[in-house]
Amino acid sequence: MKRDRLHLRAPGNWMNDPNGFIYFQGKYHLFYQYFPYAPVWGTMHWGHAVSEDLVHWEHLGTALFPTKAYDQNGVFSGSGLEKDGKLYLYYSAVKYLETDEENIHVAYQDRYETSQAMIVSEDGYHFDNWKDKRRIVPVISDKEIGDRTHTRDPKVWRDGDTYYMALGSTYEEQKGRVLFYRSKDANEWEYVNQCRAEGFGRILECPDLFQVSGSYVFIGSPMYAAEDGLEYAHHAMCALAKFRSLDCEMGLLSKSRLVDYGMDLYAPQTNVDKEGRRVMIGWMRMPEAVVKEGEEPWIGMMSLPRVVEVVDGHIYFRVHPEVDRYFEDEVPLGELYAGKRAVIKRPALRRPVCGKEGQEDAGQACDDVPYRLRTELWEGGELNIGGYRLWREGDIVKADRSQVYRGLTGYRLTGSTPKLGGRCELDIFIDGNLIEVFVNGGQYVLSHVVYGLGDEIEGHIEHVYVGK
């Protein structure tokens, strides 16, 4: 069985949104949108992976797949909930109204309808896709309530003795909105209310509402939030919110901002870890598949797990403690270079053997061991990580990946944070095709997918760590 370290990657072919993320019966379960036949988007299934620590992942194959008339063209995104010792999974069920004759995995002229469905598992590992599915929210016919096509991604949670569901939707494909449903038993659902707000784009996907330290945080993924001619005009956003459970009235208390300023991260989902911390994982979008000799081509991977906190009205996305533990092994700088500015050869950071007790982890070569760089970046200072550039200018961290994106055009090659307030401490994670930069303990995060990353690191580095 394939195993991943640090970042969950497609086990071959296609991966997108995280689904059903939950800590259940001693394991973290993460499902994901999965097309198992080619490294392209197609009829959605749910892939399944488990972990004991959010760092080491084991792929378990396909969990959910189309079997019903209402989900025959896709088991789209959704969430997980524990109830009475069982795992409840909620998802959007898609049925095409007309199929493209040249590709049955695509709806002709985007003509399809969406309803909401659920399935229950006794143990979190076995799912009877024929007997245990049932539809809980039919296709919406009243456009004042929701959209029959673009209403999807149920996020379900419990508060007291009541269950709540948030759905992403749109009004006439011009204004994004969130729909709220309520239930007493997590089975039978009634529509209650909706919220439309600036920053929801034309269609809102993957809504998530939760409390952290007494503050409500809303995370969503508005489509067509930035129409600048580039791919990925859809972005994950966050904002402080207010929510009244009595009638499901929600409003935003702050202007929404990016979850990640690299703008590759999309469709994040949160839940609580075994210690009760609110943790987020998001899908890192990739423009082309990774092809290596002897491996099945794959496309799509997940971000690091990030702890969500609110401090003085600001939403932080911090490195999870389990990731800290994974990078306990610090490389003495004296073994790498002398002086404040030098060139580090990445092979010096590599371990000769991967895995525990000399056993190589399946699915990841020894020369792919991830590493971590920590430093403070001064105004005008710059780092070059194998062709990926980071620098500080005008109290802003800026990044440029144009040298490690294989000449791909039509995609955003740069990124930058808002102003930092005078301090710029960087915590950088490098792992094959992904670089994640945590600024000032998660004040902002800037992550980029990369291709063809070089071995040399140039610039001022204070601490270097390798993964276990």
Protein backbone atom coordinates (compact mmCIF):
# COMPACT_ATOMS: atom_id res chain seq x y z
CA MET A 1 0.00 0.00 0.00
CA LYS A 2 1.34 3.41 -0.95
CA ARG A 3 2.52 5.70 1.83
CA ASP A 4 3.25 9.43 1.85
CA ARG A 5 5.19 11.59 4.28
CA LEU A 6 4.41 15.18 5.21
CA HIS A 7 2.15 15.83 2.18
CA LEU A 8 -0.59 13.55 0.96
CA ARG A 9 -0.25 13.17 -2.80
CA ALA A 10 -2.43 11.58 -5.46
CA PRO A 11 -1.57 7.86 -5.45
CA GLY A 12 -1.52 8.08 -9.24
CA ASN A 13 -3.87 9.93 -11.60
CA TRP A 14 -6.00 12.80 -10.23
CA MET A 15 -6.62 14.33 -6.77
CA ASN A 16 -8.44 17.49 -5.74
CA ASP A 17 -10.52 18.73 -2.74
CA PRO A 18 -10.00 17.23 0.74
CA ASN A 19 -13.21 15.59 1.96
CA GLY A 20 -14.50 14.07 5.20
CA PHE A 21 -11.47 15.19 7.21
CA ILE A 22 -11.92 13.84 10.75
CA TYR A 23 -10.22 12.25 13.77
CA PHE A 24 -12.20 9.05 14.23
CA GLN A 25 -11.51 6.07 16.51
CA GLY A 26 -7.81 6.85 16.98
CA LYS A 27 -6.93 7.73 13.38
CA TYR A 28 -7.08 10.77 11.16
CA HIS A 29 -9.16 10.04 8.07
CA LEU A 30 -8.80 12.19 5.00
CA PHE A 31 -10.86 11.48 1.93
CA TYR A 32 -10.34 13.37 -1.30
CA GLN A 33 -11.80 13.95 -4.75
CA TYR A 34 -10.29 11.23 -6.91
CA PHE A 35 -10.39 10.22 -10.57
CA PRO A 36 -8.63 6.84 -10.62
CA TYR A 37 -8.31 6.38 -14.40
CA ALA A 38 -6.15 9.25 -15.66
CA PRO A 39 -4.32 12.34 -14.38
CA VAL A 40 -7.22 14.59 -15.41
CA TRP A 41 -10.46 15.75 -13.80
CA GLY A 42 -13.31 13.30 -14.40
CA THR A 43 -16.17 11.45 -12.71
CA MET A 44 -15.45 11.99 -9.05
CA HIS A 45 -14.85 9.23 -6.52
CA TRP A 46 -13.59 9.58 -2.95
CA GLY A 47 -10.08 8.31 -2.30
CA HIS A 48 -9.21 7.47 1.31
CA ALA A 49 -6.07 7.84 3.42
CA VAL A 50 -5.40 7.49 7.15
CA SER A 51 -2.73 8.76 9.52
CA GLU A 52 -1.83 8.58 13.19
CA ASP A 53 -0.02 11.93 13.25
CA LEU A 54 -1.12 14.03 10.22
CA VAL A 55 2.37 13.50 8.79
CA HIS A 56 2.64 9.84 7.77
CA TRP A 57 -0.23 8.82 5.49
CA GLU A 58 -1.36 5.43 4.23
CA HIS A 59 -3.53 5.24 1.12
CA LEU A 60 -6.47 2.83 1.37
CA GLY A 61 -7.84 3.08 -2.15
CA THR A 62 -11.33 4.17 -3.20
CA ALA A 63 -13.99 4.62 -0.51
CA LEU A 64 -16.97 6.14 -2.35
CA PHE A 65 -17.96 5.87 -6.00
CA PRO A 66 -21.09 6.44 -8.12
CA THR A 67 -23.80 3.80 -7.79
CA LYS A 68 -27.11 5.67 -7.71
CA ALA A 69 -29.11 7.51 -10.34
CA TYR A 70 -28.66 10.75 -8.39
CA ASP A 71 -24.84 10.37 -8.06
CA GLN A 72 -24.13 8.50 -11.29
CA ASN A 73 -21.85 11.26 -12.60
CA GLY A 74 -19.93 12.12 -9.48
CA VAL A 75 -19.53 11.86 -5.73
CA PHE A 76 -18.52 15.46 -5.20
CA SER A 77 -17.04 17.11 -2.09
CA GLY A 78 -18.36 16.92 1.46
CA SER A 79 -17.51 16.38 5.11
CA GLY A 80 -17.46 13.86 7.94
CA LEU A 81 -19.11 13.61 11.36
CA GLU A 82 -18.94 11.11 14.21
CA LYS A 83 -22.29 10.07 15.70
CA ASP A 84 -23.04 7.13 17.99
CA GLY A 85 -19.58 5.72 17.31
CA LYS A 86 -20.17 5.66 13.55
CA LEU A 87 -18.72 7.73 10.74
CA TYR A 88 -21.27 9.79 8.82
CA LEU A 89 -20.11 11.11 5.45
CA TYR A 90 -22.03 13.80 3.56
CA TYR A 91 -21.40 14.59 -0.09
CA SER A 92 -22.81 16.31 -3.17
CA ALA A 93 -24.32 13.92 -5.69
CA VAL A 94 -24.14 14.88 -9.37
CA LYS A 95 -26.27 13.75 -12.29
CA TYR A 96 -25.60 15.00 -15.81
CA LEU A 97 -28.61 16.23 -17.78
CA GLU A 98 -26.63 15.78 -20.98
CA THR A 99 -23.34 13.99 -21.52
CA ASP A 100 -20.57 14.94 -23.89
CA GLU A 101 -20.53 12.15 -26.45
CA GLU A 102 -16.77 12.39 -26.81
CA ASN A 103 -16.11 12.23 -23.07
CA ILE A 104 -18.68 10.66 -20.76
CA HIS A 105 -16.89 12.15 -17.72
CA VAL A 106 -17.92 15.70 -18.66
CA ALA A 107 -21.37 17.31 -18.64
CA TYR A 108 -22.26 18.78 -22.03
CA GLN A 109 -22.45 22.59 -21.78
CA ASP A 110 -22.17 22.24 -17.99
CA ARG A 111 -25.75 20.92 -17.77
CA TYR A 112 -26.15 18.89 -14.57
CA GLU A 113 -28.07 18.86 -11.32
CA THR A 114 -26.82 18.45 -7.78
CA SER A 115 -28.39 17.02 -4.64
CA GLN A 116 -26.92 16.15 -1.22
CA ALA A 117 -26.48 12.61 0.05
CA MET A 118 -24.95 10.66 2.93
CA ILE A 119 -23.47 7.29 3.77
CA VAL A 120 -22.74 5.76 7.19
CA SER A 121 -19.83 3.47 8.08
CA GLU A 122 -19.59 1.40 11.25
CA ASP A 123 -15.79 1.54 11.41
CA GLY A 124 -14.61 4.26 9.00
CA TYR A 125 -13.03 1.72 6.67
CA HIS A 126 -15.89 -0.13 5.02
CA PHE A 127 -18.54 1.61 2.89
CA ASP A 128 -21.44 -0.13 1.18
CA ASN A 129 -21.98 2.14 -1.81
CA TRP A 130 -25.02 0.15 -2.93
CA LYS A 131 -27.03 -0.22 0.28
CA ASP A 132 -26.02 2.56 2.68
CA LYS A 133 -26.34 5.71 0.59
CA ARG A 134 -29.38 7.93 0.77
CA ARG A 135 -30.33 11.36 -0.52
CA ILE A 136 -31.04 13.94 2.19
CA VAL A 137 -31.43 17.24 0.30
CA PRO A 138 -33.11 16.93 -3.12
CA VAL A 139 -32.26 19.05 -6.13
CA ILE A 140 -33.30 22.62 -5.30
CA SER A 141 -35.97 23.93 -7.66
CA ASP A 142 -36.58 27.31 -5.99
CA LYS A 143 -33.84 29.70 -7.12
CA GLU A 144 -34.55 31.98 -4.15
CA ILE A 145 -33.36 29.17 -1.87
CA GLY A 146 -30.53 27.74 -3.95
CA ASP A 147 -29.26 26.77 -7.39
CA ARG A 148 -30.15 23.38 -8.89
CA THR A 149 -26.70 23.04 -10.47
CA HIS A 150 -24.26 24.91 -8.24
CA THR A 151 -25.27 23.97 -4.69
CA ARG A 152 -22.64 21.71 -3.19
CA ASP A 153 -19.95 20.78 -0.64
CA PRO A 154 -21.93 20.11 2.57
CA LYS A 155 -20.01 20.95 5.75
CA VAL A 156 -21.80 19.37 8.73
CA TRP A 157 -21.17 19.97 12.44
CA ARG A 158 -22.87 19.53 15.79
CA ASP A 159 -23.62 22.26 18.32
CA GLY A 160 -25.38 21.05 21.46
CA ASP A 161 -28.22 18.75 20.46
CA THR A 162 -28.56 20.18 16.95
CA TYR A 163 -26.72 19.45 13.69
CA TYR A 164 -26.00 22.13 11.10
CA MET A 165 -25.09 21.98 7.43
CA ALA A 166 -23.55 24.74 5.31
CA LEU A 167 -23.74 24.50 1.52
CA GLY A 168 -21.98 26.62 -1.07
CA SER A 169 -24.26 28.03 -3.76
CA THR A 170 -24.96 30.94 -6.09
CA TYR A 171 -27.74 33.30 -7.09
CA GLU A 172 -28.10 33.12 -10.88
CA GLU A 173 -24.35 32.43 -11.15
CA GLN A 174 -23.71 36.08 -10.33
CA LYS A 175 -23.43 36.21 -6.54
CA GLY A 176 -22.09 33.52 -4.23
CA ARG A 177 -24.02 32.53 -1.12
CA VAL A 178 -24.06 30.07 1.78
CA LEU A 179 -27.16 28.01 2.57
CA PHE A 180 -27.84 26.72 6.07
CA TYR A 181 -29.78 23.58 6.97
CA ARG A 182 -30.55 22.11 10.39
CA SER A 183 -31.30 18.65 11.81
CA LYS A 184 -32.06 16.99 15.14
CA ASP A 185 -30.74 13.57 14.15
CA ALA A 186 -28.16 14.23 11.37
CA ASN A 187 -30.48 12.39 8.95
CA GLU A 188 -33.51 14.58 8.25
CA TRP A 189 -32.69 18.16 7.21
CA GLU A 190 -34.62 21.40 6.84
CA TYR A 191 -33.63 24.63 5.12
CA VAL A 192 -33.25 27.57 7.56
CA ASN A 193 -31.40 30.58 6.13
CA GLN A 194 -28.74 31.88 3.79
CA CYS A 195 -25.99 34.49 3.64
CA ARG A 196 -24.78 36.58 0.72
CA ALA A 197 -21.70 38.71 1.25
CA GLU A 198 -19.06 40.66 -0.61
CA GLY A 199 -16.11 38.45 -1.37
CA PHE A 200 -18.20 35.33 -2.15
CA GLY A 201 -17.48 35.61 -5.87
CA ARG A 202 -20.05 34.44 -8.41
CA ILE A 203 -20.27 30.90 -7.00
CA LEU A 204 -19.16 29.93 -3.50
CA GLU A 205 -17.64 26.50 -2.89
CA CYS A 206 -16.53 24.57 0.20
CA PRO A 207 -17.98 26.73 3.01
CA ASP A 208 -16.63 26.08 6.51
CA LEU A 209 -17.77 27.80 9.71
CA PHE A 210 -16.29 27.12 13.14
CA GLN A 211 -15.31 28.70 16.45
CA VAL A 212 -11.78 29.35 17.68
CA SER A 213 -11.26 30.90 21.12
CA GLY A 214 -14.78 32.28 21.12
CA SER A 215 -14.56 33.79 17.63
CA TYR A 216 -16.35 32.46 14.57
CA VAL A 217 -14.19 32.00 11.49
CA PHE A 218 -15.62 31.52 8.02
CA ILE A 219 -13.55 29.91 5.26
CA GLY A 220 -14.83 29.52 1.72
CA SER A 221 -13.64 29.23 -1.86
CA PRO A 222 -15.31 31.82 -4.11
CA MET A 223 -15.17 31.23 -7.85
CA TYR A 224 -14.36 34.11 -10.22
CA ALA A 225 -13.09 36.18 -7.33
CA ALA A 226 -10.26 37.52 -9.49
CA GLU A 227 -10.76 37.52 -13.23
CA ASP A 228 -7.36 38.61 -14.44
CA GLY A 229 -6.93 36.34 -17.45
CA LEU A 230 -4.94 33.75 -15.51
CA GLU A 231 -5.86 30.28 -14.43
CA TYR A 232 -6.99 29.92 -10.83
CA ALA A 233 -9.36 32.88 -10.67
CA HIS A 234 -10.89 30.98 -7.76
CA HIS A 235 -9.30 31.43 -4.33
CA ALA A 236 -9.67 30.25 -0.73
CA MET A 237 -10.68 33.15 1.52
CA CYS A 238 -11.21 33.62 5.27
CA ALA A 239 -12.88 36.18 7.54
CA LEU A 240 -14.09 36.63 11.07
CA ALA A 241 -17.83 36.06 11.27
CA LYS A 242 -20.87 36.21 13.48
CA PHE A 243 -23.37 33.36 13.60
CA ARG A 244 -26.65 32.97 15.45
CA SER A 245 -27.52 29.31 15.74
CA LEU A 246 -31.18 30.00 16.59
CA ASP A 247 -31.96 31.04 13.02
CA CYS A 248 -28.63 30.39 11.25
CA GLU A 249 -28.03 34.06 10.57
CA MET A 250 -24.43 34.69 9.52
CA GLY A 251 -22.50 37.82 8.63
CA LEU A 252 -18.85 38.68 8.09
CA LEU A 253 -17.18 40.92 10.66
CA SER A 254 -14.08 41.64 8.62
CA LYS A 255 -13.13 41.94 4.99
CA SER A 256 -12.27 38.52 3.62
CA ARG A 257 -8.64 37.83 2.80
CA LEU A 258 -6.63 35.03 1.23
CA VAL A 259 -6.01 31.88 3.23
CA ASP A 260 -2.72 31.46 1.36
CA TYR A 261 -0.97 34.19 -0.62
CA GLY A 262 0.63 31.81 -3.11
CA MET A 263 -2.94 31.36 -4.40
CA ASP A 264 -2.41 27.69 -5.36
CA LEU A 265 -4.27 26.46 -2.27
CA TYR A 266 -7.99 25.84 -2.77
CA ALA A 267 -11.00 24.11 -1.19
CA PRO A 268 -9.54 23.83 2.35
CA GLN A 269 -11.39 21.86 5.01
CA THR A 270 -11.03 21.97 8.80
CA ASN A 271 -11.80 19.75 11.74
CA VAL A 272 -10.42 19.27 15.24
CA ASP A 273 -7.42 17.09 15.99
CA LYS A 274 -7.11 14.69 18.92
CA GLU A 275 -6.04 17.56 21.20
CA GLY A 276 -9.01 19.72 20.21
CA ARG A 277 -7.06 22.12 17.97
CA ARG A 278 -8.78 23.39 14.82
CA VAL A 279 -6.73 22.06 11.89
CA MET A 280 -6.97 22.93 8.20
CA ILE A 281 -5.76 21.02 5.12
CA GLY A 282 -6.13 22.35 1.57
CA TRP A 283 -5.71 21.11 -1.98
CA MET A 284 -2.61 22.41 -3.80
CA ARG A 285 -3.51 22.88 -7.46
CA MET A 286 -1.01 21.68 -10.07
CA PRO A 287 -1.10 22.56 -13.79
CA GLU A 288 0.48 19.33 -15.01
CA ALA A 289 1.16 15.82 -13.82
CA VAL A 290 4.41 14.66 -12.24
CA VAL A 291 5.91 11.95 -14.40
CA LYS A 292 8.78 9.82 -13.16
CA GLU A 293 10.18 6.65 -14.64
CA GLY A 294 8.68 3.59 -12.97
CA GLU A 295 5.82 5.55 -11.34
CA GLU A 296 2.25 6.20 -12.37
CA PRO A 297 1.73 9.85 -13.37
CA TRP A 298 0.01 11.85 -10.65
CA ILE A 299 -1.41 15.32 -10.19
CA GLY A 300 -2.66 17.03 -7.02
CA MET A 301 -1.45 17.09 -3.43
CA MET A 302 -2.46 18.42 -0.03
CA SER A 303 -0.93 21.18 2.07
CA LEU A 304 0.66 20.74 5.46
CA PRO A 305 -1.86 20.55 8.31
CA ARG A 306 -2.24 24.07 9.71
CA VAL A 307 -3.59 25.04 13.12
CA VAL A 308 -6.12 27.87 12.90
CA GLU A 309 -6.00 30.47 15.68
CA VAL A 310 -7.37 33.96 16.21
CA VAL A 311 -5.11 36.48 17.96
CA ASP A 312 -6.12 40.14 18.38
CA GLY A 313 -8.67 39.80 15.61
CA HIS A 314 -6.22 38.26 13.12
CA ILE A 315 -6.59 34.72 11.73
CA TYR A 316 -3.35 32.75 11.96
CA PHE A 317 -2.50 29.51 10.14
CA ARG A 318 0.31 27.94 12.15
CA VAL A 319 2.55 24.93 11.65
CA HIS A 320 0.98 21.91 13.35
CA PRO A 321 2.95 20.53 16.35
CA GLU A 322 3.24 17.11 14.66
CA VAL A 323 5.08 18.76 11.77
CA ASP A 324 7.43 20.39 14.29
CA ARG A 325 8.15 16.95 15.75
CA TYR A 326 8.84 15.54 12.30
CA PHE A 327 11.62 18.12 11.83
CA GLU A 328 13.42 17.62 15.14
CA ASP A 329 16.70 16.72 13.43
CA GLU A 330 18.64 19.97 12.98
CA VAL A 331 21.64 19.98 10.64
CA PRO A 332 24.62 21.87 12.19
CA LEU A 333 25.25 24.92 10.03
CA GLY A 334 28.97 24.43 10.38
CA GLU A 335 28.65 21.26 8.30
CA LEU A 336 26.99 23.20 5.49
CA TYR A 337 28.62 26.57 5.16
CA ALA A 338 30.48 29.34 6.92
CA GLY A 339 29.49 33.00 6.92
CA LYS A 340 26.19 34.79 6.55
CA ARG A 341 25.87 34.31 2.82
CA ALA A 342 26.84 31.12 1.07
CA VAL A 343 25.61 28.36 -1.16
CA ILE A 344 24.22 25.16 0.33
CA LYS A 345 24.11 22.07 -1.84
CA ARG A 346 20.81 20.31 -1.22
CA PRO A 347 22.38 16.79 -1.31
CA ALA A 348 24.12 17.71 1.94
CA LEU A 349 20.71 17.71 3.57
CA ARG A 350 19.71 14.26 2.42
CA ARG A 351 19.67 11.20 4.61
CA PRO A 352 21.25 8.01 3.22
CA VAL A 353 18.30 5.88 4.38
CA CYS A 354 14.58 6.68 4.51
CA GLY A 355 11.90 5.50 6.90
CA LYS A 356 12.15 3.97 10.34
CA GLU A 357 14.76 1.44 11.40
CA GLY A 358 16.40 1.46 8.01
CA GLN A 359 13.26 0.60 6.08
CA GLU A 360 12.60 2.72 3.02
CA ASP A 361 9.08 4.16 2.87
CA ALA A 362 7.19 2.83 -0.11
CA GLY A 363 6.29 5.48 -2.63
CA GLN A 364 9.00 8.01 -1.75
CA ALA A 365 12.63 7.84 -2.75
CA CYS A 366 15.39 8.59 -0.27
CA ASP A 367 16.49 11.66 -2.19
CA ASP A 368 13.04 13.18 -1.71
CA VAL A 369 13.35 13.66 2.04
CA PRO A 370 11.74 17.03 2.83
CA TYR A 371 13.61 19.74 4.66
CA ARG A 372 12.92 22.94 6.56
CA LEU A 373 14.69 26.30 6.58
CA ARG A 374 14.24 28.95 9.28
CA THR A 375 15.59 32.46 9.10
CA GLU A 376 14.83 36.14 9.51
CA LEU A 377 14.61 38.15 6.31
CA TRP A 378 15.75 41.77 6.47
CA GLU A 379 14.54 44.56 4.19
CA GLY A 380 16.24 44.00 0.85
CA GLY A 381 17.29 40.48 1.79
CA GLU A 382 16.77 37.56 -0.58
CA LEU A 383 16.76 33.75 -0.60
CA ASN A 384 17.12 31.58 -3.69
CA ILE A 385 15.96 28.01 -3.08
CA GLY A 386 16.91 26.01 -6.14
CA GLY A 387 15.55 28.76 -8.42
CA TYR A 388 12.59 29.73 -6.24
CA ARG A 389 13.16 33.33 -5.08
CA LEU A 390 11.97 34.97 -1.86
CA TRP A 391 12.78 38.54 -0.91
CA ARG A 392 11.59 41.33 1.37
CA GLU A 393 10.64 44.65 -0.17
CA GLY A 394 8.62 47.44 1.43
CA ASP A 395 7.86 45.29 4.51
CA ILE A 396 6.33 42.63 2.21
CA VAL A 397 7.55 39.11 1.43
CA LYS A 398 7.54 38.48 -2.29
CA ALA A 399 8.08 35.24 -4.20
CA ASP A 400 8.87 34.35 -7.80
CA ARG A 401 8.73 30.78 -9.14
CA SER A 402 9.21 31.59 -12.82
CA GLN A 403 12.52 29.67 -12.91
CA VAL A 404 11.00 26.48 -11.48
CA TYR A 405 7.71 26.30 -13.39
CA ARG A 406 8.99 24.70 -16.62
CA GLY A 407 7.97 27.56 -18.83
CA LEU A 408 4.27 27.06 -18.17
CA THR A 409 2.27 30.09 -19.23
CA GLY A 410 -1.10 31.44 -18.21
CA TYR A 411 -0.48 30.83 -14.50
CA ARG A 412 0.42 33.21 -11.72
CA LEU A 413 4.17 32.99 -11.17
CA THR A 414 4.55 35.45 -8.30
CA GLY A 415 2.99 36.01 -4.91
CA SER A 416 3.28 38.47 -2.04
CA THR A 417 2.00 38.96 1.50
CA PRO A 418 0.37 42.09 2.91
CA LYS A 419 2.59 44.42 4.94
CA LEU A 420 4.08 42.61 7.93
CA GLY A 421 4.42 45.34 10.55
CA GLY A 422 8.22 45.36 10.75
CA ARG A 423 9.01 41.71 11.58
CA CYS A 424 9.82 39.00 9.04
CA GLU A 425 10.60 35.54 10.43
CA LEU A 426 10.32 32.77 7.87
CA ASP A 427 9.65 29.07 8.38
CA ILE A 428 10.01 27.36 4.99
CA PHE A 429 9.11 23.77 4.09
CA ILE A 430 10.49 22.26 0.87
CA ASP A 431 9.16 18.92 -0.34
CA GLY A 432 9.59 17.92 -3.96
CA ASN A 433 6.89 19.84 -5.81
CA LEU A 434 5.77 22.15 -3.02
CA ILE A 435 7.23 25.05 -1.04
CA GLU A 436 5.26 26.47 1.92
CA VAL A 437 6.42 29.68 3.60
CA PHE A 438 5.02 30.52 7.04
CA VAL A 439 5.64 34.16 7.92
CA ASN A 440 5.82 35.33 11.55
CA GLY A 441 4.40 32.16 13.05
CA GLY A 442 1.51 31.91 10.60
CA GLN A 443 0.55 35.57 10.40
CA TYR A 444 0.50 34.87 6.66
CA VAL A 445 1.35 31.81 4.56
CA LEU A 446 2.62 31.78 1.00
CA SER A 447 2.74 28.40 -0.77
CA HIS A 448 3.69 27.51 -4.33
CA VAL A 449 3.70 24.37 -6.42
CA VAL A 450 7.04 24.05 -8.23
CA TYR A 451 8.60 21.89 -10.93
CA GLY A 452 12.27 21.28 -11.60
CA LEU A 453 13.55 22.69 -8.31
CA GLY A 454 17.35 22.90 -8.21
CA ASP A 455 19.67 21.72 -5.44
CA GLU A 456 21.39 24.95 -4.44
CA ILE A 457 20.17 27.31 -1.71
CA GLU A 458 21.64 30.78 -1.57
CA GLY A 459 21.11 33.37 1.12
CA HIS A 460 21.18 33.83 4.87
CA ILE A 461 19.87 30.73 6.68
CA GLU A 462 19.79 30.41 10.47
CA HIS A 463 18.48 26.87 10.94
CA VAL A 464 18.19 23.81 8.69
CA TYR A 465 16.22 20.65 9.53
CA VAL A 466 15.61 17.39 7.69
CA GLY A 467 12.57 15.18 7.96
CA LYS A 468 12.66 11.94 9.85
